[in-house]
Amino acid sequence: MATCVQLEYGELKPTAQSIQDCTGFVMLEPTEYQQFLLASSLFDPSEISIEVAQALFVSGFSLVIICYMTSWAYGTIINWFKPEHDN
């Protein structure tokens, strides 16, 4: 369990403050620290390599372009069969 501690004369002493109101340091157990590292590494941009970031950007951008081109092609084909084009 996380504990709020104060540094006094070179020693860490626990305080009665809650974690939300802690003005000193927060001491974590090893399991809590491992969970924190795992959760923070999921959103850390320095963990993503340049090649992966480029691949994510290109795939996201390509998905939008491919969807647009597909819908444009279907719209063109559907409009080609409208009666006003029979003349």
Protein backbone atom coordinates (compact mmCIF):
# COMPACT_ATOMS: atom_id res chain seq x y z
CA MET A 1 0.00 0.00 0.00
CA ALA A 2 1.30 3.46 -0.83
CA THR A 3 2.43 5.54 2.12
CA CYS A 4 3.06 9.26 2.45
CA VAL A 5 6.50 9.92 3.95
CA GLN A 6 8.55 13.00 4.91
CA LEU A 7 12.32 13.33 4.76
CA GLU A 8 13.56 14.31 8.22
CA TYR A 9 17.26 14.44 9.06
CA GLY A 10 18.13 12.01 6.27
CA GLU A 11 15.42 9.48 7.19
CA LEU A 12 12.03 8.78 5.66
CA LYS A 13 9.30 8.94 8.29
CA PRO A 14 5.67 7.97 7.53
CA THR A 15 3.02 10.64 8.04
CA ALA A 16 -0.70 10.46 8.71
CA GLN A 17 -1.55 12.35 5.51
CA SER A 18 -3.57 10.66 2.79
CA ILE A 19 -1.95 10.07 -0.58
CA GLN A 20 -4.07 12.80 -2.20
CA ASP A 21 -2.97 15.37 0.40
CA CYS A 22 0.67 14.25 0.62
CA THR A 23 3.15 17.13 0.59
CA GLY A 24 6.23 14.92 0.89
CA PHE A 25 7.09 11.72 -0.94
CA VAL A 26 4.94 8.71 -1.76
CA MET A 27 6.53 5.35 -1.05
CA LEU A 28 5.25 2.41 -3.11
CA GLU A 29 5.51 -1.32 -2.61
CA PRO A 30 7.36 -3.23 -5.37
CA THR A 31 4.15 -4.64 -6.90
CA GLU A 32 2.57 -1.18 -7.05
CA TYR A 33 5.71 0.21 -8.65
CA GLN A 34 5.71 -2.53 -11.31
CA GLN A 35 2.05 -1.80 -12.09
CA PHE A 36 2.86 1.91 -12.36
CA LEU A 37 5.75 1.22 -14.75
CA LEU A 38 3.58 -1.00 -16.94
CA ALA A 39 0.73 1.52 -17.10
CA SER A 40 3.01 4.48 -17.78
CA SER A 41 5.00 2.67 -20.47
CA LEU A 42 1.81 2.07 -22.49
CA PHE A 43 1.45 5.82 -23.07
CA ASP A 44 5.11 6.79 -23.21
CA PRO A 45 5.97 8.09 -26.70
CA SER A 46 9.66 7.34 -26.22
CA GLU A 47 8.83 3.61 -26.11
CA ILE A 48 7.57 3.67 -29.72
CA SER A 49 10.26 3.36 -32.38
CA ILE A 50 10.30 5.66 -35.39
CA GLU A 51 9.43 2.80 -37.76
CA VAL A 52 6.38 1.82 -35.70
CA ALA A 53 5.21 5.45 -35.47
CA GLN A 54 5.55 5.83 -39.23
CA ALA A 55 3.66 2.59 -39.84
CA LEU A 56 0.84 3.68 -37.52
CA PHE A 57 0.55 7.06 -39.25
CA VAL A 58 0.59 5.58 -42.75
CA SER A 59 -1.96 2.90 -41.88
CA GLY A 60 -4.32 5.44 -40.28
CA PHE A 61 -3.96 7.90 -43.16
CA SER A 62 -4.33 5.12 -45.77
CA LEU A 63 -7.48 3.82 -44.12
CA VAL A 64 -9.17 7.22 -44.52
CA ILE A 65 -8.06 7.58 -48.15
CA ILE A 66 -9.10 4.02 -49.06
CA CYS A 67 -12.54 4.50 -47.49
CA TYR A 68 -13.00 7.78 -49.35
CA MET A 69 -11.94 6.32 -52.71
CA THR A 70 -14.17 3.26 -52.24
CA SER A 71 -17.22 5.36 -51.39
CA TRP A 72 -16.49 7.72 -54.32
CA ALA A 73 -16.29 4.74 -56.70
CA TYR A 74 -19.56 3.26 -55.42
CA GLY A 75 -21.25 6.68 -55.69
CA THR A 76 -20.07 7.08 -59.28
CA ILE A 77 -21.35 3.65 -60.26
CA ILE A 78 -24.72 4.17 -58.52
CA ASN A 79 -25.17 7.62 -60.12
CA TRP A 80 -24.35 6.17 -63.54
CA PHE A 81 -27.56 4.11 -63.42
CA LYS A 82 -29.85 7.09 -62.64
CA PRO A 83 -32.57 7.74 -65.23
CA GLU A 84 -31.34 11.28 -66.01
CA HIS A 85 -28.24 9.79 -67.62
CA ASP A 86 -30.32 7.83 -70.20
CA ASN A 87 -30.38 10.71 -72.69
